[in-house]
PDB file of all heavy atoms in Angstrom:
ATOM      1  N   MET A   1     -31.177 116.417 158.661  1.00  0.00           N
ATOM      2  CA  MET A   1     -30.267 115.290 158.893  1.00  0.00           C
ATOM      3  C   MET A   1     -30.888 114.186 159.764  1.00  0.00           C
ATOM      4  O   MET A   1     -30.523 113.029 159.597  1.00  0.00           O
ATOM      5  CB  MET A   1     -29.000 115.859 159.608  1.00  0.00           C
ATOM      6  CG  MET A   1     -27.883 114.868 159.874  1.00  0.00           C
ATOM      7  SD  MET A   1     -26.427 115.744 160.465  1.00  0.00           S
ATOM      8  CE  MET A   1     -27.032 116.420 162.027  1.00  0.00           C
ATOM      9  N   ILE A   2     -31.771 114.508 160.665  1.00  0.00           N
ATOM     10  CA  ILE A   2     -32.328 113.515 161.540  1.00  0.00           C
ATOM     11  C   ILE A   2     -33.176 112.539 160.794  1.00  0.00           C
ATOM     12  O   ILE A   2     -33.682 112.789 159.693  1.00  0.00           O
ATOM     13  CB  ILE A   2     -33.147 114.134 162.711  1.00  0.00           C
ATOM     14  CG1 ILE A   2     -34.280 115.001 162.157  1.00  0.00           C
ATOM     15  CG2 ILE A   2     -32.243 114.966 163.614  1.00  0.00           C
ATOM     16  CD1 ILE A   2     -35.201 115.592 163.269  1.00  0.00           C
ATOM     17  N   ASP A   3     -33.307 111.363 161.368  1.00  0.00           N
ATOM     18  CA  ASP A   3     -34.137 110.310 160.756  1.00  0.00           C
ATOM     19  C   ASP A   3     -35.583 110.780 160.457  1.00  0.00           C
ATOM     20  O   ASP A   3     -36.120 111.600 161.225  1.00  0.00           O
ATOM     21  CB  ASP A   3     -34.183 109.103 161.704  1.00  0.00           C
ATOM     22  CG  ASP A   3     -35.088 107.962 161.181  1.00  0.00           C
ATOM     23  OD1 ASP A   3     -34.641 107.261 160.263  1.00  0.00           O
ATOM     24  OD2 ASP A   3     -36.228 107.835 161.690  1.00  0.00           O
ATOM     25  N   GLY A   4     -36.142 110.312 159.319  1.00  0.00           N
ATOM     26  CA  GLY A   4     -37.460 110.755 158.930  1.00  0.00           C
ATOM     27  C   GLY A   4     -38.555 110.522 159.958  1.00  0.00           C
ATOM     28  O   GLY A   4     -39.397 111.394 160.183  1.00  0.00           O
ATOM     29  N   GLU A   5     -38.554 109.373 160.567  1.00  0.00           N
ATOM     30  CA  GLU A   5     -39.539 109.099 161.613  1.00  0.00           C
ATOM     31  C   GLU A   5     -39.341 110.000 162.807  1.00  0.00           C
ATOM     32  O   GLU A   5     -40.334 110.462 163.419  1.00  0.00           O
ATOM     33  CB  GLU A   5     -39.443 107.597 162.001  1.00  0.00           C
ATOM     34  CG  GLU A   5     -39.959 106.639 160.965  1.00  0.00           C
ATOM     35  CD  GLU A   5     -39.979 105.202 161.443  1.00  0.00           C
ATOM     36  OE1 GLU A   5     -39.735 104.996 162.672  1.00  0.00           O
ATOM     37  OE2 GLU A   5     -40.266 104.307 160.666  1.00  0.00           O
ATOM     38  N   ASP A   6     -38.091 110.210 163.184  1.00  0.00           N
ATOM     39  CA  ASP A   6     -37.821 111.100 164.293  1.00  0.00           C
ATOM     40  C   ASP A   6     -38.248 112.530 163.967  1.00  0.00           C
ATOM     41  O   ASP A   6     -38.809 113.213 164.828  1.00  0.00           O
ATOM     42  CB  ASP A   6     -36.276 111.065 164.593  1.00  0.00           C
ATOM     43  CG  ASP A   6     -35.923 111.792 165.877  1.00  0.00           C
ATOM     44  OD1 ASP A   6     -36.776 111.892 166.761  1.00  0.00           O
ATOM     45  OD2 ASP A   6     -34.782 112.253 165.973  1.00  0.00           O
ATOM     46  N   TYR A   7     -37.989 112.981 162.740  1.00  0.00           N
ATOM     47  CA  TYR A   7     -38.463 114.302 162.327  1.00  0.00           C
ATOM     48  C   TYR A   7     -39.949 114.431 162.462  1.00  0.00           C
ATOM     49  O   TYR A   7     -40.474 115.415 162.983  1.00  0.00           O
ATOM     50  CB  TYR A   7     -37.964 114.526 160.881  1.00  0.00           C
ATOM     51  CG  TYR A   7     -38.722 115.680 160.169  1.00  0.00           C
ATOM     52  CD1 TYR A   7     -38.487 117.011 160.513  1.00  0.00           C
ATOM     53  CD2 TYR A   7     -39.676 115.390 159.178  1.00  0.00           C
ATOM     54  CE1 TYR A   7     -39.145 118.019 159.903  1.00  0.00           C
ATOM     55  CE2 TYR A   7     -40.307 116.412 158.538  1.00  0.00           C
ATOM     56  CZ  TYR A   7     -40.082 117.724 158.880  1.00  0.00           C
ATOM     57  OH  TYR A   7     -40.778 118.742 158.255  1.00  0.00           O
ATOM     58  N   GLU A   8     -40.692 113.455 161.918  1.00  0.00           N
ATOM     59  CA  GLU A   8     -42.138 113.513 161.987  1.00  0.00           C
ATOM     60  C   GLU A   8     -42.646 113.515 163.420  1.00  0.00           C
ATOM     61  O   GLU A   8     -43.554 114.226 163.782  1.00  0.00           O
ATOM     62  CB  GLU A   8     -42.783 112.378 161.179  1.00  0.00           C
ATOM     63  CG  GLU A   8     -44.274 112.414 161.144  1.00  0.00           C
ATOM     64  CD  GLU A   8     -44.877 111.588 160.014  1.00  0.00           C
ATOM     65  OE1 GLU A   8     -44.097 111.056 159.211  1.00  0.00           O
ATOM     66  OE2 GLU A   8     -46.107 111.485 159.944  1.00  0.00           O
ATOM     67  N   LYS A   9     -42.020 112.687 164.259  1.00  0.00           N
ATOM     68  CA  LYS A   9     -42.448 112.643 165.686  1.00  0.00           C
ATOM     69  C   LYS A   9     -42.221 113.947 166.388  1.00  0.00           C
ATOM     70  O   LYS A   9     -43.128 114.460 167.068  1.00  0.00           O
ATOM     71  CB  LYS A   9     -41.657 111.497 166.374  1.00  0.00           C
ATOM     72  CG  LYS A   9     -41.969 111.337 167.876  1.00  0.00           C
ATOM     73  CD  LYS A   9     -41.175 110.171 168.436  1.00  0.00           C
ATOM     74  CE  LYS A   9     -41.461 109.986 169.936  1.00  0.00           C
ATOM     75  NZ  LYS A   9     -40.901 111.075 170.751  1.00  0.00           N
ATOM     76  N   ARG A  10     -41.061 114.572 166.176  1.00  0.00           N
ATOM     77  CA  ARG A  10     -40.721 115.777 166.847  1.00  0.00           C
ATOM     78  C   ARG A  10     -41.562 116.995 166.405  1.00  0.00           C
ATOM     79  O   ARG A  10     -42.079 117.751 167.180  1.00  0.00           O
ATOM     80  CB  ARG A  10     -39.242 116.116 166.698  1.00  0.00           C
ATOM     81  CG  ARG A  10     -38.328 115.133 167.339  1.00  0.00           C
ATOM     82  CD  ARG A  10     -36.993 115.818 167.623  1.00  0.00           C
ATOM     83  NE  ARG A  10     -35.861 114.954 167.556  1.00  0.00           N
ATOM     84  CZ  ARG A  10     -34.638 115.314 167.852  1.00  0.00           C
ATOM     85  NH1 ARG A  10     -34.360 116.545 168.227  1.00  0.00           N
ATOM     86  NH2 ARG A  10     -33.608 114.468 167.778  1.00  0.00           N
ATOM     87  N   ILE A  11     -41.714 117.091 165.111  1.00  0.00           N
ATOM     88  CA  ILE A  11     -42.485 118.254 164.579  1.00  0.00           C
ATOM     89  C   ILE A  11     -43.958 118.075 164.893  1.00  0.00           C
ATOM     90  O   ILE A  11     -44.679 119.076 165.094  1.00  0.00           O
ATOM     91  CB  ILE A  11     -42.224 118.474 163.082  1.00  0.00           C
ATOM     92  CG1 ILE A  11     -42.660 119.906 162.676  1.00  0.00           C
ATOM     93  CG2 ILE A  11     -42.904 117.408 162.201  1.00  0.00           C
ATOM     94  CD1 ILE A  11     -42.180 120.330 161.328  1.00  0.00           C
ATOM     95  N   THR A  12     -44.425 116.823 164.965  1.00  0.00           N
ATOM     96  CA  THR A  12     -45.850 116.588 165.313  1.00  0.00           C
ATOM     97  C   THR A  12     -46.053 116.988 166.777  1.00  0.00           C
ATOM     98  O   THR A  12     -47.063 117.648 167.089  1.00  0.00           O
ATOM     99  CB  THR A  12     -46.186 115.105 165.124  1.00  0.00           C
ATOM    100  OG1 THR A  12     -46.019 114.756 163.739  1.00  0.00           O
ATOM    101  CG2 THR A  12     -47.631 114.819 165.537  1.00  0.00           C
ATOM    102  N   GLU A  13     -45.159 116.614 167.663  1.00  0.00           N
ATOM    103  CA  GLU A  13     -45.304 117.018 169.053  1.00  0.00           C
ATOM    104  C   GLU A  13     -45.249 118.530 169.205  1.00  0.00           C
ATOM    105  O   GLU A  13     -46.017 119.096 170.009  1.00  0.00           O
ATOM    106  CB  GLU A  13     -44.195 116.354 169.898  1.00  0.00           C
ATOM    107  CG  GLU A  13     -44.308 114.837 170.036  1.00  0.00           C
ATOM    108  CD  GLU A  13     -43.187 114.210 170.758  1.00  0.00           C
ATOM    109  OE1 GLU A  13     -42.142 114.928 170.992  1.00  0.00           O
ATOM    110  OE2 GLU A  13     -43.266 112.998 171.087  1.00  0.00           O
ATOM    111  N   PHE A  14     -44.361 119.165 168.478  1.00  0.00           N
ATOM    112  CA  PHE A  14     -44.251 120.617 168.520  1.00  0.00           C
ATOM    113  C   PHE A  14     -45.585 121.286 168.080  1.00  0.00           C
ATOM    114  O   PHE A  14     -46.069 122.194 168.745  1.00  0.00           O
ATOM    115  CB  PHE A  14     -43.117 121.071 167.590  1.00  0.00           C
ATOM    116  CG  PHE A  14     -42.937 122.539 167.503  1.00  0.00           C
ATOM    117  CD1 PHE A  14     -42.251 123.258 168.457  1.00  0.00           C
ATOM    118  CD2 PHE A  14     -43.496 123.253 166.445  1.00  0.00           C
ATOM    119  CE1 PHE A  14     -42.107 124.623 168.403  1.00  0.00           C
ATOM    120  CE2 PHE A  14     -43.348 124.624 166.353  1.00  0.00           C
ATOM    121  CZ  PHE A  14     -42.666 125.310 167.296  1.00  0.00           C
ATOM    122  N   TRP A  15     -46.128 120.784 166.986  1.00  0.00           N
ATOM    123  CA  TRP A  15     -47.341 121.394 166.434  1.00  0.00           C
ATOM    124  C   TRP A  15     -48.522 121.148 167.353  1.00  0.00           C
ATOM    125  O   TRP A  15     -49.318 122.063 167.604  1.00  0.00           O
ATOM    126  CB  TRP A  15     -47.584 120.822 165.045  1.00  0.00           C
ATOM    127  CG  TRP A  15     -48.680 121.525 164.268  1.00  0.00           C
ATOM    128  CD1 TRP A  15     -50.024 121.400 164.464  1.00  0.00           C
ATOM    129  CD2 TRP A  15     -48.528 122.453 163.204  1.00  0.00           C
ATOM    130  NE1 TRP A  15     -50.695 122.200 163.566  1.00  0.00           N
ATOM    131  CE2 TRP A  15     -49.808 122.854 162.777  1.00  0.00           C
ATOM    132  CE3 TRP A  15     -47.436 122.974 162.546  1.00  0.00           C
ATOM    133  CZ2 TRP A  15     -49.999 123.751 161.753  1.00  0.00           C
ATOM    134  CZ3 TRP A  15     -47.594 123.880 161.521  1.00  0.00           C
ATOM    135  CH2 TRP A  15     -48.899 124.254 161.119  1.00  0.00           C
ATOM    136  N   LYS A  16     -48.661 119.926 167.853  1.00  0.00           N
ATOM    137  CA  LYS A  16     -49.797 119.602 168.734  1.00  0.00           C
ATOM    138  C   LYS A  16     -49.835 120.422 169.991  1.00  0.00           C
ATOM    139  O   LYS A  16     -50.916 120.648 170.553  1.00  0.00           O
ATOM    140  CB  LYS A  16     -49.745 118.077 169.078  1.00  0.00           C
ATOM    141  CG  LYS A  16     -50.147 117.179 167.917  1.00  0.00           C
ATOM    142  CD  LYS A  16     -49.921 115.715 168.254  1.00  0.00           C
ATOM    143  CE  LYS A  16     -50.816 115.230 169.351  1.00  0.00           C
ATOM    144  NZ  LYS A  16     -50.660 113.739 169.561  1.00  0.00           N
ATOM    145  N   ALA A  17     -48.659 120.840 170.446  1.00  0.00           N
ATOM    146  CA  ALA A  17     -48.587 121.668 171.652  1.00  0.00           C
ATOM    147  C   ALA A  17     -49.131 123.073 171.389  1.00  0.00           C
ATOM    148  O   ALA A  17     -49.408 123.797 172.329  1.00  0.00           O
ATOM    149  CB  ALA A  17     -47.159 121.759 172.169  1.00  0.00           C
ATOM    150  N   LYS A  18     -49.298 123.443 170.150  1.00  0.00           N
ATOM    151  CA  LYS A  18     -49.707 124.791 169.798  1.00  0.00           C
ATOM    152  C   LYS A  18     -51.100 124.836 169.139  1.00  0.00           C
ATOM    153  O   LYS A  18     -51.847 125.774 169.395  1.00  0.00           O
ATOM    154  CB  LYS A  18     -48.708 125.446 168.897  1.00  0.00           C
ATOM    155  CG  LYS A  18     -47.312 125.597 169.518  1.00  0.00           C
ATOM    156  CD  LYS A  18     -46.339 126.229 168.574  1.00  0.00           C
ATOM    157  CE  LYS A  18     -44.964 126.402 169.249  1.00  0.00           C
ATOM    158  NZ  LYS A  18     -45.015 127.367 170.400  1.00  0.00           N
ATOM    159  N   GLN A  19     -51.416 123.841 168.348  1.00  0.00           N
ATOM    160  CA  GLN A  19     -52.740 123.875 167.705  1.00  0.00           C
ATOM    161  C   GLN A  19     -53.054 122.440 167.141  1.00  0.00           C
ATOM    162  O   GLN A  19     -52.232 121.562 167.173  1.00  0.00           O
ATOM    163  CB  GLN A  19     -52.760 124.897 166.571  1.00  0.00           C
ATOM    164  CG  GLN A  19     -51.800 124.612 165.415  1.00  0.00           C
ATOM    165  CD  GLN A  19     -51.785 125.762 164.428  1.00  0.00           C
ATOM    166  OE1 GLN A  19     -51.430 126.890 164.745  1.00  0.00           O
ATOM    167  NE2 GLN A  19     -52.171 125.509 163.186  1.00  0.00           N
ATOM    168  N   GLU A  20     -54.319 122.304 166.744  1.00  0.00           N
ATOM    169  CA  GLU A  20     -54.778 121.027 166.270  1.00  0.00           C
ATOM    170  C   GLU A  20     -54.096 120.614 164.971  1.00  0.00           C
ATOM    171  O   GLU A  20     -53.808 121.412 164.101  1.00  0.00           O
ATOM    172  CB  GLU A  20     -56.282 121.105 166.048  1.00  0.00           C
ATOM    173  CG  GLU A  20     -56.953 119.750 165.701  1.00  0.00           C
ATOM    174  CD  GLU A  20     -58.438 119.850 165.534  1.00  0.00           C
ATOM    175  OE1 GLU A  20     -58.958 120.928 165.840  1.00  0.00           O
ATOM    176  OE2 GLU A  20     -59.046 118.859 165.102  1.00  0.00           O
ATOM    177  N   LEU A  21     -53.796 119.321 164.877  1.00  0.00           N
ATOM    178  CA  LEU A  21     -53.171 118.823 163.662  1.00  0.00           C
ATOM    179  C   LEU A  21     -54.096 118.774 162.493  1.00  0.00           C
ATOM    180  O   LEU A  21     -55.287 118.530 162.693  1.00  0.00           O
ATOM    181  CB  LEU A  21     -52.612 117.407 163.932  1.00  0.00           C
ATOM    182  CG  LEU A  21     -51.299 117.207 164.723  1.00  0.00           C
ATOM    183  CD1 LEU A  21     -51.015 115.695 164.838  1.00  0.00           C
ATOM    184  CD2 LEU A  21     -50.180 117.902 164.032  1.00  0.00           C
ATOM    185  N   PRO A  22     -53.611 118.988 161.297  1.00  0.00           N
ATOM    186  CA  PRO A  22     -54.419 118.767 160.095  1.00  0.00           C
ATOM    187  C   PRO A  22     -54.691 117.263 159.950  1.00  0.00           C
ATOM    188  O   PRO A  22     -54.153 116.445 160.676  1.00  0.00           O
ATOM    189  CB  PRO A  22     -53.511 119.242 158.949  1.00  0.00           C
ATOM    190  CG  PRO A  22     -52.423 120.006 159.612  1.00  0.00           C
ATOM    191  CD  PRO A  22     -52.239 119.486 160.934  1.00  0.00           C
ATOM    192  N   PRO A  23     -55.612 116.922 159.037  1.00  0.00           N
ATOM    193  CA  PRO A  23     -55.836 115.483 158.783  1.00  0.00           C
ATOM    194  C   PRO A  23     -54.544 114.746 158.493  1.00  0.00           C
ATOM    195  O   PRO A  23     -53.617 115.301 157.921  1.00  0.00           O
ATOM    196  CB  PRO A  23     -56.751 115.478 157.531  1.00  0.00           C
ATOM    197  CG  PRO A  23     -57.415 116.809 157.580  1.00  0.00           C
ATOM    198  CD  PRO A  23     -56.472 117.769 158.178  1.00  0.00           C
ATOM    199  N   GLU A  24     -54.460 113.484 158.860  1.00  0.00           N
ATOM    200  CA  GLU A  24     -53.225 112.739 158.859  1.00  0.00           C
ATOM    201  C   GLU A  24     -52.541 112.743 157.465  1.00  0.00           C
ATOM    202  O   GLU A  24     -51.334 113.011 157.350  1.00  0.00           O
ATOM    203  CB  GLU A  24     -53.435 111.282 159.282  1.00  0.00           C
ATOM    204  CG  GLU A  24     -52.163 110.480 159.373  1.00  0.00           C
ATOM    205  CD  GLU A  24     -52.407 109.091 159.938  1.00  0.00           C
ATOM    206  OE1 GLU A  24     -53.494 108.842 160.525  1.00  0.00           O
ATOM    207  OE2 GLU A  24     -51.498 108.211 159.827  1.00  0.00           O
ATOM    208  N   GLY A  25     -53.303 112.478 156.430  1.00  0.00           N
ATOM    209  CA  GLY A  25     -52.731 112.479 155.069  1.00  0.00           C
ATOM    210  C   GLY A  25     -52.161 113.796 154.694  1.00  0.00           C
ATOM    211  O   GLY A  25     -51.052 113.882 154.131  1.00  0.00           O
ATOM    212  N   LYS A  26     -52.889 114.859 154.968  1.00  0.00           N
ATOM    213  CA  LYS A  26     -52.419 116.195 154.630  1.00  0.00           C
ATOM    214  C   LYS A  26     -51.211 116.585 155.484  1.00  0.00           C
ATOM    215  O   LYS A  26     -50.295 117.273 154.957  1.00  0.00           O
ATOM    216  CB  LYS A  26     -53.554 117.207 154.861  1.00  0.00           C
ATOM    217  CG  LYS A  26     -53.242 118.612 154.425  1.00  0.00           C
ATOM    218  CD  LYS A  26     -54.434 119.537 154.472  1.00  0.00           C
ATOM    219  CE  LYS A  26     -54.146 120.929 153.960  1.00  0.00           C
ATOM    220  NZ  LYS A  26     -55.316 121.813 153.978  1.00  0.00           N
ATOM    221  N   TRP A  27     -51.203 116.158 156.727  1.00  0.00           N
ATOM    222  CA  TRP A  27     -50.099 116.485 157.630  1.00  0.00           C
ATOM    223  C   TRP A  27     -48.786 115.922 157.136  1.00  0.00           C
ATOM    224  O   TRP A  27     -47.757 116.579 157.093  1.00  0.00           O
ATOM    225  CB  TRP A  27     -50.380 116.043 159.066  1.00  0.00           C
ATOM    226  CG  TRP A  27     -49.268 116.194 160.028  1.00  0.00           C
ATOM    227  CD1 TRP A  27     -48.602 115.219 160.681  1.00  0.00           C
ATOM    228  CD2 TRP A  27     -48.707 117.458 160.459  1.00  0.00           C
ATOM    229  NE1 TRP A  27     -47.618 115.764 161.507  1.00  0.00           N
ATOM    230  CE2 TRP A  27     -47.691 117.121 161.407  1.00  0.00           C
ATOM    231  CE3 TRP A  27     -48.984 118.806 160.165  1.00  0.00           C
ATOM    232  CZ2 TRP A  27     -46.910 118.101 162.045  1.00  0.00           C
ATOM    233  CZ3 TRP A  27     -48.189 119.755 160.827  1.00  0.00           C
ATOM    234  CH2 TRP A  27     -47.176 119.406 161.748  1.00  0.00           C
ATOM    235  N   HIS A  28     -48.825 114.637 156.735  1.00  0.00           N
ATOM    236  CA  HIS A  28     -47.621 113.988 156.223  1.00  0.00           C
ATOM    237  C   HIS A  28     -47.086 114.679 155.002  1.00  0.00           C
ATOM    238  O   HIS A  28     -45.888 114.919 154.853  1.00  0.00           O
ATOM    239  CB  HIS A  28     -47.865 112.496 155.945  1.00  0.00           C
ATOM    240  CG  HIS A  28     -46.670 111.777 155.496  1.00  0.00           C
ATOM    241  ND1 HIS A  28     -45.621 111.391 156.332  1.00  0.00           N
ATOM    242  CD2 HIS A  28     -46.265 111.360 154.238  1.00  0.00           C
ATOM    243  CE1 HIS A  28     -44.680 110.790 155.675  1.00  0.00           C
ATOM    244  NE2 HIS A  28     -45.047 110.754 154.383  1.00  0.00           N
ATOM    245  N   LYS A  29     -48.002 115.044 154.084  1.00  0.00           N
ATOM    246  CA  LYS A  29     -47.577 115.758 152.866  1.00  0.00           C
ATOM    247  C   LYS A  29     -46.977 117.079 153.229  1.00  0.00           C
ATOM    248  O   LYS A  29     -45.942 117.505 152.663  1.00  0.00           O
ATOM    249  CB  LYS A  29     -48.784 116.012 151.947  1.00  0.00           C
ATOM    250  CG  LYS A  29     -49.268 114.791 151.152  1.00  0.00           C
ATOM    251  CD  LYS A  29     -50.403 115.227 150.213  1.00  0.00           C
ATOM    252  CE  LYS A  29     -50.852 114.073 149.342  1.00  0.00           C
ATOM    253  NZ  LYS A  29     -51.975 114.490 148.412  1.00  0.00           N
TER     254      LYS A  29
END
């Protein structure tokens, strides 16, 4: 339900706190 940008921001912060992010293009997909 939350806004798409808000969703991406929150889940990105959550993931970064635990492990390295995948490449940007792959992460968005």
